[in-house]
N, C-alpha and C. Protein backbone atom coordinates (compact mmCIF):
# COMPACT_ATOMS: atom_id res chain seq x y z
N MET A 1 9.57 27.80 1.30
CA MET A 1 9.48 26.37 1.08
C MET A 1 10.86 25.80 0.41
N ARG A 2 11.36 24.83 0.94
CA ARG A 2 12.54 24.32 0.47
C ARG A 2 12.47 23.79 -0.80
N ASN A 3 13.51 23.76 -1.77
CA ASN A 3 13.52 23.03 -2.97
C ASN A 3 14.33 21.66 -3.09
N GLU A 4 15.03 21.48 -1.82
CA GLU A 4 15.78 20.10 -1.72
C GLU A 4 15.08 19.16 -0.67
N THR A 5 15.15 17.89 -1.09
CA THR A 5 14.77 17.09 0.04
C THR A 5 15.85 16.19 0.30
N THR A 6 15.73 15.53 1.49
CA THR A 6 16.74 14.75 2.07
C THR A 6 16.26 13.33 1.83
N LYS A 7 17.22 12.34 2.17
CA LYS A 7 16.70 10.86 1.94
C LYS A 7 15.75 10.42 3.07
N GLU A 8 15.78 11.39 4.28
CA GLU A 8 14.81 11.10 5.17
C GLU A 8 13.39 11.41 5.01
N ASP A 9 13.33 12.37 4.11
CA ASP A 9 11.97 12.93 3.68
C ASP A 9 11.03 12.04 2.63
N ARG A 10 11.92 11.00 2.23
CA ARG A 10 11.41 10.34 1.06
C ARG A 10 10.93 8.80 1.76
N LEU A 11 9.91 8.32 0.86
CA LEU A 11 9.44 6.76 1.17
C LEU A 11 9.70 6.30 -0.34
N SER A 12 10.07 5.12 -0.25
CA SER A 12 10.44 4.45 -1.52
C SER A 12 9.67 3.09 -1.54
N THR A 13 9.12 2.80 -2.79
CA THR A 13 8.62 1.49 -2.98
C THR A 13 9.37 0.77 -4.38
N GLY A 14 8.78 -0.20 -5.01
CA GLY A 14 9.61 -0.81 -6.03
C GLY A 14 9.61 0.02 -7.30
N ARG A 15 8.22 0.59 -7.40
CA ARG A 15 8.31 1.69 -8.82
C ARG A 15 8.19 3.12 -8.36
N LEU A 16 7.96 3.55 -6.97
CA LEU A 16 7.46 4.86 -6.53
C LEU A 16 8.61 5.38 -5.52
N ILE A 17 8.63 6.92 -5.67
CA ILE A 17 9.20 7.60 -4.54
C ILE A 17 8.25 8.46 -4.18
N LEU A 18 7.97 8.67 -2.72
CA LEU A 18 7.02 9.78 -2.30
C LEU A 18 8.00 10.69 -1.59
N ARG A 19 7.86 12.04 -2.00
CA ARG A 19 8.72 12.92 -1.44
C ARG A 19 7.88 14.32 -1.31
N PRO A 20 8.37 15.08 -0.48
CA PRO A 20 7.71 16.37 -0.50
C PRO A 20 7.73 17.09 -1.72
N TRP A 21 6.55 17.93 -1.89
CA TRP A 21 6.47 18.79 -2.91
C TRP A 21 7.45 19.98 -2.92
N CYS A 22 7.88 20.41 -3.88
CA CYS A 22 8.80 21.59 -3.97
C CYS A 22 8.26 22.74 -5.08
N CYS A 23 8.62 23.97 -5.04
CA CYS A 23 8.18 24.90 -5.83
C CYS A 23 8.35 24.60 -7.21
N ASP A 24 9.39 23.89 -7.63
CA ASP A 24 9.68 23.51 -9.09
C ASP A 24 8.55 22.40 -9.62
N ASP A 25 7.77 21.84 -8.87
CA ASP A 25 6.86 21.08 -9.33
C ASP A 25 5.57 21.69 -9.78
N ALA A 26 5.32 22.96 -9.61
CA ALA A 26 4.16 23.43 -10.13
C ALA A 26 3.57 23.18 -11.58
N GLU A 27 4.40 23.20 -12.61
CA GLU A 27 3.92 22.84 -13.95
C GLU A 27 3.50 21.50 -13.98
N ALA A 28 4.27 20.55 -13.38
CA ALA A 28 3.88 19.21 -13.50
C ALA A 28 2.52 18.96 -12.70
N LEU A 29 2.39 19.36 -11.68
CA LEU A 29 1.19 19.37 -10.87
C LEU A 29 0.03 19.85 -11.78
N TYR A 30 0.24 21.16 -12.48
CA TYR A 30 -0.86 21.64 -13.23
C TYR A 30 -1.28 20.66 -14.28
N VAL A 31 -0.38 20.15 -14.90
CA VAL A 31 -0.50 19.18 -15.97
C VAL A 31 -1.63 18.08 -15.75
N LEU A 32 -1.47 17.69 -14.48
CA LEU A 32 -2.29 16.45 -13.83
C LEU A 32 -3.49 16.89 -13.47
N ALA A 33 -3.24 18.16 -12.56
CA ALA A 33 -4.58 18.71 -11.76
C ALA A 33 -5.66 19.43 -12.50
N CYS A 34 -5.24 19.65 -13.92
CA CYS A 34 -6.33 20.58 -14.65
C CYS A 34 -7.33 19.65 -15.12
N ASP A 35 -7.14 18.40 -15.22
CA ASP A 35 -7.97 17.45 -15.68
C ASP A 35 -9.31 17.30 -14.92
N GLU A 36 -10.38 17.42 -15.57
CA GLU A 36 -11.63 17.59 -14.72
C GLU A 36 -11.94 16.12 -14.24
N ARG A 37 -11.48 15.10 -14.56
CA ARG A 37 -11.77 13.88 -13.88
C ARG A 37 -11.03 13.51 -12.80
N VAL A 38 -10.04 14.43 -12.22
CA VAL A 38 -9.12 14.24 -11.11
C VAL A 38 -9.79 15.04 -9.83
N GLY A 39 -9.86 16.30 -9.88
CA GLY A 39 -10.01 17.01 -8.64
C GLY A 39 -11.46 16.83 -8.29
N PRO A 40 -12.52 16.95 -9.09
CA PRO A 40 -13.73 16.77 -8.46
C PRO A 40 -14.12 15.37 -7.71
N ALA A 41 -13.41 14.40 -8.20
CA ALA A 41 -13.40 12.99 -7.65
C ALA A 41 -12.83 12.94 -6.39
N ALA A 42 -11.96 14.08 -6.16
CA ALA A 42 -11.17 14.05 -4.62
C ALA A 42 -11.62 15.18 -3.94
N GLY A 43 -12.65 16.05 -4.51
CA GLY A 43 -13.14 17.06 -3.49
C GLY A 43 -12.69 18.43 -3.70
N TRP A 44 -11.94 18.68 -4.94
CA TRP A 44 -11.44 20.04 -5.23
C TRP A 44 -11.50 20.33 -6.61
N PRO A 45 -11.57 21.41 -7.10
CA PRO A 45 -11.96 21.96 -8.40
C PRO A 45 -10.53 21.76 -9.10
N PRO A 46 -10.63 21.52 -10.64
CA PRO A 46 -9.47 21.44 -11.41
C PRO A 46 -8.63 22.62 -11.36
N HIS A 47 -7.13 22.60 -11.33
CA HIS A 47 -6.47 23.80 -11.30
C HIS A 47 -6.57 24.39 -12.67
N ARG A 48 -6.51 25.74 -12.59
CA ARG A 48 -6.81 26.63 -13.80
C ARG A 48 -5.49 27.13 -14.33
N SER A 49 -4.41 27.07 -13.61
CA SER A 49 -3.14 27.53 -14.01
C SER A 49 -1.99 27.03 -13.27
N ALA A 50 -0.78 27.14 -13.67
CA ALA A 50 0.60 26.59 -13.22
C ALA A 50 0.65 27.59 -11.83
N GLU A 51 0.37 28.80 -12.08
CA GLU A 51 0.34 29.80 -10.82
C GLU A 51 -0.47 29.20 -9.76
N GLU A 52 -1.69 28.75 -9.98
CA GLU A 52 -2.44 28.24 -9.03
C GLU A 52 -1.91 27.09 -8.40
N SER A 53 -1.44 26.13 -9.28
CA SER A 53 -0.77 24.85 -8.88
C SER A 53 0.31 25.25 -7.89
N ALA A 54 0.94 26.25 -8.18
CA ALA A 54 2.26 26.74 -7.49
C ALA A 54 1.73 27.21 -5.99
N GLU A 55 0.65 27.84 -5.90
CA GLU A 55 -0.14 28.49 -4.67
C GLU A 55 -0.51 27.22 -3.87
N ILE A 56 -1.10 26.17 -4.60
CA ILE A 56 -1.55 25.06 -3.75
C ILE A 56 -0.48 24.24 -3.21
N ILE A 57 0.79 24.19 -4.00
CA ILE A 57 2.01 23.77 -3.26
C ILE A 57 2.43 24.57 -2.08
N ARG A 58 2.44 25.84 -2.17
CA ARG A 58 2.85 26.68 -0.98
C ARG A 58 1.84 26.48 0.27
N THR A 59 0.60 26.31 0.02
CA THR A 59 -0.33 26.56 1.16
C THR A 59 -0.94 25.09 1.61
N VAL A 60 -1.06 24.23 0.70
CA VAL A 60 -1.88 22.98 0.92
C VAL A 60 -0.74 21.80 1.11
N PHE A 61 -0.12 21.67 -0.06
CA PHE A 61 0.87 20.56 -0.01
C PHE A 61 2.20 20.58 0.59
N SER A 62 2.45 21.73 1.26
CA SER A 62 3.46 22.11 2.27
C SER A 62 3.32 21.63 3.72
N THR A 63 2.15 21.02 3.93
CA THR A 63 1.88 20.33 5.20
C THR A 63 2.68 19.08 5.41
N PRO A 64 2.94 18.73 6.68
CA PRO A 64 3.70 17.56 7.00
C PRO A 64 3.06 16.40 6.48
N GLU A 65 3.91 15.43 6.07
CA GLU A 65 3.29 14.02 5.61
C GLU A 65 2.29 14.31 4.30
N THR A 66 2.61 15.14 3.59
CA THR A 66 1.91 15.29 2.14
C THR A 66 3.14 15.22 1.21
N TYR A 67 2.85 14.18 0.18
CA TYR A 67 4.04 13.77 -0.66
C TYR A 67 3.79 13.79 -2.10
N ALA A 68 4.54 14.17 -2.91
CA ALA A 68 4.42 13.86 -4.30
C ALA A 68 4.67 12.55 -4.75
N VAL A 69 3.83 11.81 -5.40
CA VAL A 69 4.05 10.45 -5.88
C VAL A 69 4.77 10.53 -7.21
N VAL A 70 6.07 10.07 -7.08
CA VAL A 70 6.95 9.98 -8.45
C VAL A 70 7.34 8.73 -8.93
N LEU A 71 7.06 8.57 -10.16
CA LEU A 71 7.61 7.37 -10.84
C LEU A 71 9.21 7.25 -10.71
N ARG A 72 9.66 6.20 -9.94
CA ARG A 72 11.13 5.92 -9.85
C ARG A 72 11.93 5.94 -11.17
N GLU A 73 11.24 5.42 -12.16
CA GLU A 73 11.93 4.88 -13.55
C GLU A 73 12.16 6.25 -14.39
N THR A 74 11.10 7.29 -14.19
CA THR A 74 11.05 8.50 -15.12
C THR A 74 11.23 9.76 -14.22
N ASP A 75 11.25 9.72 -12.95
CA ASP A 75 11.16 11.00 -12.19
C ASP A 75 10.05 11.77 -12.40
N SER A 76 8.85 11.30 -12.87
CA SER A 76 7.64 12.10 -13.29
C SER A 76 6.73 11.96 -12.17
N ILE A 77 6.20 13.17 -11.95
CA ILE A 77 5.20 13.19 -10.78
C ILE A 77 3.90 12.59 -11.52
N VAL A 78 3.19 11.79 -10.62
CA VAL A 78 1.82 11.04 -11.04
C VAL A 78 0.64 11.25 -10.24
N GLY A 79 0.87 11.84 -8.87
CA GLY A 79 0.00 11.98 -8.02
C GLY A 79 0.23 12.64 -6.84
N CYS A 80 -0.51 12.43 -5.82
CA CYS A 80 -0.27 12.98 -4.42
C CYS A 80 -0.96 12.12 -3.21
N ILE A 81 -0.40 12.01 -2.24
CA ILE A 81 -0.89 11.25 -1.16
C ILE A 81 -0.28 12.08 0.24
N GLY A 82 -1.32 11.75 1.18
CA GLY A 82 -0.68 12.37 2.43
C GLY A 82 -1.94 11.86 3.59
N LEU A 83 -1.22 12.38 4.90
CA LEU A 83 -1.81 12.02 5.94
C LEU A 83 -2.53 13.43 6.59
N ILE A 84 -3.73 13.34 6.86
CA ILE A 84 -4.29 14.55 7.58
C ILE A 84 -4.58 14.34 8.86
N ALA A 85 -4.06 15.24 9.92
CA ALA A 85 -4.30 15.14 11.12
C ALA A 85 -5.59 15.23 11.60
N ALA A 86 -5.96 14.82 12.69
CA ALA A 86 -7.35 14.73 13.33
C ALA A 86 -8.00 16.14 13.28
N ASP A 87 -7.32 17.15 13.80
CA ASP A 87 -7.45 18.42 13.84
C ASP A 87 -8.04 19.12 12.44
N ALA A 88 -7.71 18.47 11.29
CA ALA A 88 -7.86 18.98 10.08
C ALA A 88 -8.69 18.14 9.21
N SER A 89 -9.08 17.03 9.67
CA SER A 89 -9.74 16.04 8.94
C SER A 89 -11.35 16.44 8.78
N ASN A 90 -11.96 16.07 7.70
CA ASN A 90 -13.41 16.18 7.74
C ASN A 90 -14.20 15.28 8.32
N ILE A 91 -13.50 14.10 8.71
CA ILE A 91 -14.02 13.04 9.40
C ILE A 91 -13.78 13.03 10.98
N ALA A 92 -14.68 12.98 11.81
CA ALA A 92 -14.45 12.96 13.26
C ALA A 92 -13.66 11.80 13.65
N ILE A 93 -12.34 12.06 13.86
CA ILE A 93 -11.55 10.84 14.28
C ILE A 93 -10.63 11.36 15.62
N ALA A 94 -10.08 10.29 16.22
CA ALA A 94 -9.36 10.70 17.35
C ALA A 94 -8.05 11.26 17.14
N ALA A 95 -7.53 11.90 18.17
CA ALA A 95 -6.14 12.77 18.07
C ALA A 95 -4.96 11.76 17.63
N ASP A 96 -5.19 10.37 17.87
CA ASP A 96 -4.03 9.50 17.49
C ASP A 96 -4.42 8.78 16.21
N GLU A 97 -5.28 9.32 15.52
CA GLU A 97 -5.69 8.73 14.30
C GLU A 97 -5.44 9.67 13.07
N ALA A 98 -5.47 9.31 11.72
CA ALA A 98 -5.35 10.34 10.70
C ALA A 98 -6.24 9.98 9.60
N GLU A 99 -6.46 10.84 8.69
CA GLU A 99 -7.13 10.58 7.52
C GLU A 99 -6.29 10.49 6.29
N VAL A 100 -6.51 9.67 5.47
CA VAL A 100 -5.55 9.67 4.12
C VAL A 100 -6.21 10.20 3.03
N GLY A 101 -5.57 11.34 2.31
CA GLY A 101 -5.98 11.83 1.07
C GLY A 101 -5.24 11.51 -0.13
N TYR A 102 -5.75 11.21 -1.26
CA TYR A 102 -4.91 10.77 -2.08
C TYR A 102 -5.61 10.95 -3.71
N TRP A 103 -4.75 11.42 -4.65
CA TRP A 103 -5.26 11.22 -6.06
C TRP A 103 -4.21 11.00 -7.00
N LEU A 104 -4.57 10.56 -8.12
CA LEU A 104 -3.47 9.88 -9.33
C LEU A 104 -4.12 10.52 -10.51
N GLY A 105 -2.99 11.04 -11.31
CA GLY A 105 -3.23 11.57 -12.64
C GLY A 105 -3.89 10.60 -13.56
N VAL A 106 -4.85 11.12 -14.58
CA VAL A 106 -5.49 9.96 -15.24
C VAL A 106 -4.52 9.21 -16.20
N PRO A 107 -3.46 9.66 -16.68
CA PRO A 107 -2.55 8.70 -17.60
C PRO A 107 -1.84 7.56 -16.84
N TYR A 108 -2.18 7.61 -15.55
CA TYR A 108 -1.38 6.63 -14.60
C TYR A 108 -2.55 5.71 -13.94
N TRP A 109 -3.81 5.98 -14.31
CA TRP A 109 -4.88 5.17 -13.67
C TRP A 109 -4.77 3.53 -14.11
N GLY A 110 -5.20 2.56 -13.41
CA GLY A 110 -5.13 1.20 -13.70
C GLY A 110 -3.83 0.56 -13.54
N ARG A 111 -2.95 1.02 -13.02
CA ARG A 111 -1.45 0.46 -12.93
C ARG A 111 -1.23 -0.11 -11.53
N GLY A 112 -2.04 0.31 -10.30
CA GLY A 112 -1.74 -0.19 -9.00
C GLY A 112 -0.82 0.72 -8.55
N LEU A 113 -0.63 1.96 -8.99
CA LEU A 113 0.40 3.02 -8.30
C LEU A 113 -0.10 3.41 -7.08
N MET A 114 -1.28 3.80 -7.06
CA MET A 114 -1.69 4.25 -5.87
C MET A 114 -1.95 3.44 -4.76
N THR A 115 -2.29 2.17 -5.02
CA THR A 115 -2.19 1.00 -3.94
C THR A 115 -0.82 0.93 -3.45
N GLU A 116 0.17 0.96 -4.25
CA GLU A 116 1.63 0.89 -3.84
C GLU A 116 1.94 2.21 -2.95
N ALA A 117 1.43 3.39 -3.28
CA ALA A 117 1.78 4.34 -2.38
C ALA A 117 1.16 4.44 -1.22
N LEU A 118 -0.18 4.06 -1.10
CA LEU A 118 -0.97 3.84 0.00
C LEU A 118 -0.17 2.93 0.98
N ARG A 119 0.19 1.77 0.39
CA ARG A 119 0.94 0.70 1.31
C ARG A 119 2.09 1.27 1.91
N ALA A 120 2.86 2.13 1.30
CA ALA A 120 3.99 2.84 1.81
C ALA A 120 3.67 3.75 3.01
N LEU A 121 2.64 4.61 2.65
CA LEU A 121 2.40 5.56 3.57
C LEU A 121 1.70 5.01 4.84
N MET A 122 0.99 3.82 4.79
CA MET A 122 0.36 3.19 5.92
C MET A 122 1.60 2.56 6.73
N ARG A 123 2.51 1.90 6.15
CA ARG A 123 3.76 1.58 6.98
C ARG A 123 4.38 2.89 7.94
N ARG A 124 4.37 3.75 7.16
CA ARG A 124 4.99 5.09 7.88
C ARG A 124 3.97 5.37 9.03
N ALA A 125 2.77 5.51 8.76
CA ALA A 125 1.72 6.01 9.65
C ALA A 125 1.68 5.00 10.90
N PHE A 126 1.67 3.86 10.76
CA PHE A 126 1.76 2.83 11.83
C PHE A 126 3.05 2.53 12.58
N GLU A 127 4.19 2.49 11.81
CA GLU A 127 5.36 2.13 12.36
C GLU A 127 6.18 3.33 12.93
N THR A 128 6.25 4.31 12.01
CA THR A 128 6.98 5.58 12.57
C THR A 128 6.15 6.73 13.37
N LEU A 129 5.11 6.87 12.79
CA LEU A 129 4.26 8.04 13.51
C LEU A 129 3.36 7.57 14.53
N ASP A 130 3.26 6.10 14.76
CA ASP A 130 2.41 5.64 15.79
C ASP A 130 0.99 5.96 15.86
N TYR A 131 0.32 6.06 14.78
CA TYR A 131 -1.17 6.06 14.59
C TYR A 131 -1.83 4.89 14.91
N SER A 132 -3.05 5.01 15.52
CA SER A 132 -3.69 3.90 16.10
C SER A 132 -4.65 3.35 14.92
N ALA A 133 -5.16 4.20 13.91
CA ALA A 133 -6.08 3.83 12.87
C ALA A 133 -5.86 5.05 11.81
N LEU A 134 -6.13 4.57 10.64
CA LEU A 134 -6.24 5.58 9.30
C LEU A 134 -7.67 5.42 8.84
N TRP A 135 -8.17 6.63 8.48
CA TRP A 135 -9.57 6.69 7.66
C TRP A 135 -9.20 7.19 6.44
N CYS A 136 -10.28 6.92 5.56
CA CYS A 136 -10.26 7.28 4.23
C CYS A 136 -11.83 7.38 3.80
N GLY A 137 -11.94 8.00 2.60
CA GLY A 137 -13.13 8.13 2.01
C GLY A 137 -13.21 8.07 0.59
N TRP A 138 -14.41 7.82 0.01
CA TRP A 138 -14.30 8.02 -1.40
C TRP A 138 -15.83 8.49 -1.74
N PHE A 139 -16.04 9.19 -2.81
CA PHE A 139 -17.21 9.74 -3.07
C PHE A 139 -17.95 8.61 -3.89
N ASP A 140 -19.38 8.78 -4.04
CA ASP A 140 -20.24 7.76 -4.49
C ASP A 140 -19.80 7.80 -6.15
N GLY A 141 -19.75 6.72 -6.47
CA GLY A 141 -19.24 6.42 -7.96
C GLY A 141 -17.87 6.31 -8.23
N ASN A 142 -16.84 6.71 -7.23
CA ASN A 142 -15.54 6.71 -7.48
C ASN A 142 -14.96 5.38 -6.98
N ILE A 143 -15.41 4.47 -8.00
CA ILE A 143 -14.90 3.02 -7.75
C ILE A 143 -13.45 2.67 -7.63
N ARG A 144 -12.50 3.46 -8.40
CA ARG A 144 -11.12 3.38 -8.38
C ARG A 144 -10.66 3.76 -6.81
N SER A 145 -10.91 4.76 -6.28
CA SER A 145 -10.63 5.01 -4.99
C SER A 145 -11.23 3.95 -4.03
N GLN A 146 -12.35 3.46 -4.19
CA GLN A 146 -12.88 2.50 -3.48
C GLN A 146 -11.93 1.32 -3.45
N ARG A 147 -11.60 0.77 -4.60
CA ARG A 147 -10.85 -0.46 -4.59
C ARG A 147 -9.43 -0.30 -4.14
N VAL A 148 -8.89 0.88 -4.32
CA VAL A 148 -7.47 1.16 -3.68
C VAL A 148 -7.61 0.96 -2.21
N GLN A 149 -8.51 1.33 -1.57
CA GLN A 149 -8.78 1.19 -0.03
C GLN A 149 -9.07 -0.22 0.19
N GLU A 150 -9.92 -0.92 -0.48
CA GLU A 150 -10.28 -2.33 -0.32
C GLU A 150 -8.86 -3.12 -0.38
N LYS A 151 -8.14 -3.08 -1.42
CA LYS A 151 -6.73 -3.78 -1.64
C LYS A 151 -5.98 -3.41 -0.52
N CYS A 152 -5.91 -2.25 0.11
CA CYS A 152 -5.02 -1.91 1.13
C CYS A 152 -5.54 -2.37 2.61
N GLY A 153 -6.79 -3.12 2.77
CA GLY A 153 -7.45 -3.48 3.88
C GLY A 153 -8.34 -2.67 4.75
N PHE A 154 -8.70 -1.65 4.10
CA PHE A 154 -9.64 -0.55 4.75
C PHE A 154 -10.90 -1.30 4.84
N ARG A 155 -11.67 -1.10 5.86
CA ARG A 155 -13.03 -1.57 6.00
C ARG A 155 -14.08 -0.56 5.87
N TYR A 156 -15.05 -0.72 5.06
CA TYR A 156 -16.26 0.18 5.08
C TYR A 156 -16.93 0.28 6.25
N LEU A 157 -17.05 1.55 6.77
CA LEU A 157 -17.90 1.63 7.95
C LEU A 157 -19.13 2.23 7.91
N ARG A 158 -19.23 3.22 6.94
CA ARG A 158 -20.75 3.98 6.87
C ARG A 158 -20.57 4.86 5.64
N THR A 159 -21.83 5.37 5.37
CA THR A 159 -22.02 6.40 4.20
C THR A 159 -22.73 7.67 4.82
N GLU A 160 -21.96 8.78 4.32
CA GLU A 160 -22.58 10.03 4.86
C GLU A 160 -23.13 10.78 3.41
N HIS A 161 -24.57 10.91 3.64
CA HIS A 161 -25.22 11.70 2.68
C HIS A 161 -25.23 13.11 2.66
N ASP A 162 -25.41 13.73 1.55
CA ASP A 162 -25.81 15.16 1.35
C ASP A 162 -24.61 15.96 2.21
N GLN A 163 -23.23 15.51 2.01
CA GLN A 163 -22.33 16.39 2.44
C GLN A 163 -21.93 17.42 1.67
N PHE A 164 -21.87 18.68 2.05
CA PHE A 164 -21.51 19.95 1.26
C PHE A 164 -19.93 19.99 1.14
N TRP A 165 -19.33 20.17 0.05
CA TRP A 165 -17.91 20.33 -0.20
C TRP A 165 -17.60 21.72 -0.42
N PRO A 166 -17.16 22.69 0.51
CA PRO A 166 -16.94 23.95 0.03
C PRO A 166 -15.93 24.19 -1.24
N LEU A 167 -14.82 23.37 -1.25
CA LEU A 167 -13.91 23.49 -2.28
C LEU A 167 -14.57 23.56 -3.91
N THR A 168 -15.65 22.71 -3.96
CA THR A 168 -16.20 22.44 -5.32
C THR A 168 -17.71 23.17 -5.30
N GLY A 169 -18.27 23.34 -4.21
CA GLY A 169 -19.65 23.74 -3.96
C GLY A 169 -20.77 22.93 -4.25
N VAL A 170 -20.38 21.69 -4.17
CA VAL A 170 -21.29 20.45 -4.40
C VAL A 170 -21.88 19.75 -3.22
N VAL A 171 -22.91 19.17 -3.23
CA VAL A 171 -23.22 18.29 -2.00
C VAL A 171 -23.03 16.68 -2.66
N ALA A 172 -22.38 15.97 -1.98
CA ALA A 172 -22.03 14.63 -2.45
C ALA A 172 -22.33 13.60 -1.24
N THR A 173 -22.28 12.33 -1.67
CA THR A 173 -22.33 11.26 -0.72
C THR A 173 -20.98 10.59 -0.56
N GLU A 174 -20.46 10.49 0.62
CA GLU A 174 -19.19 10.09 0.84
C GLU A 174 -19.24 8.73 1.73
N HIS A 175 -18.31 7.64 1.25
CA HIS A 175 -18.48 6.36 1.87
C HIS A 175 -17.05 6.54 2.62
N ILE A 176 -17.21 6.07 3.94
CA ILE A 176 -16.01 6.04 4.92
C ILE A 176 -15.52 4.74 5.19
N SER A 177 -14.18 4.74 5.15
CA SER A 177 -13.45 3.23 5.60
C SER A 177 -12.58 3.49 6.44
N ARG A 178 -11.90 2.50 7.24
CA ARG A 178 -11.03 2.40 8.18
C ARG A 178 -10.23 1.43 8.37
N LEU A 179 -8.88 1.56 8.94
CA LEU A 179 -8.07 0.47 8.92
C LEU A 179 -7.33 0.85 10.36
N SER A 180 -7.37 -0.18 11.18
CA SER A 180 -6.66 -0.29 12.58
C SER A 180 -5.26 -0.66 12.48
N ARG A 181 -4.39 -0.24 13.45
CA ARG A 181 -3.02 -0.61 13.33
C ARG A 181 -2.95 -2.19 13.49
N GLU A 182 -3.78 -2.80 14.25
CA GLU A 182 -4.00 -4.23 14.63
C GLU A 182 -4.13 -4.94 13.20
N ASP A 183 -5.23 -4.45 12.56
CA ASP A 183 -5.69 -5.06 11.31
C ASP A 183 -4.47 -5.03 10.07
N TRP A 184 -3.85 -3.84 10.15
CA TRP A 184 -2.78 -3.65 9.28
C TRP A 184 -1.63 -4.57 9.70
N ALA A 185 -1.35 -4.67 11.00
CA ALA A 185 -0.30 -5.43 11.47
C ALA A 185 -0.37 -6.96 11.07
N ALA A 186 -1.76 -7.57 11.14
CA ALA A 186 -2.09 -8.77 10.84
C ALA A 186 -1.97 -8.95 9.40
N SER A 187 -2.14 -8.13 8.52
CA SER A 187 -2.13 -8.28 7.04
C SER A 187 -0.71 -8.36 6.58
N VAL A 188 0.14 -7.54 7.22
CA VAL A 188 1.54 -7.57 7.05
C VAL A 188 2.07 -8.67 7.33
N ALA A 189 1.83 -9.31 8.56
CA ALA A 189 2.18 -10.72 8.98
C ALA A 189 2.06 -11.82 7.97
N VAL A 190 0.85 -11.70 7.54
CA VAL A 190 0.40 -12.73 6.45
C VAL A 190 1.29 -12.59 5.05
N ASN A 191 1.25 -11.42 4.55
CA ASN A 191 1.91 -10.94 3.26
C ASN A 191 3.45 -11.05 3.44
N ASP A 192 4.01 -10.69 4.47
CA ASP A 192 5.63 -10.71 4.70
C ASP A 192 6.00 -11.49 5.72
N PRO A 193 5.80 -12.77 5.43
CA PRO A 193 6.41 -13.65 6.60
C PRO A 193 7.68 -13.59 7.05
């Protein structure tokens, strides 16, 4: 895995840089991902060591369109966001659609950072990658994730009960939402005249 990123690998917002993960990020990832309030809310167990976090970077976060969410002001990693292709999604979606996955470290909750990151990723997904729709989900009780999706224009579609999550070994209820390229374009036209 490369340790350097180019400007083309990055997405920028007013407060954030979204960039590929690198091997040197393992300790920062572990500090955020060991918190029991983060992983289970996103469908994965808390990390147990920096070595485990390094392995996650090598095997999971090295996939295309997976980004470390970094505060521009401090260069600190605050979370992760990415697009999951149709063939890897846990949601049945078309080949020209993608699922969005994200999580944010607890110290950064309540600042609107993930909403900002998701909007940048949506722009890339629709304008550069030419997806026709994006899908997202939140587990029952994860109001923060639900609000991020609503603020970004995703529309609730359905609830899937009794879903087994192999990474955590739990059965959960997941709420599914969707955003079409047309709905996104209409909202951008209204907000960015």
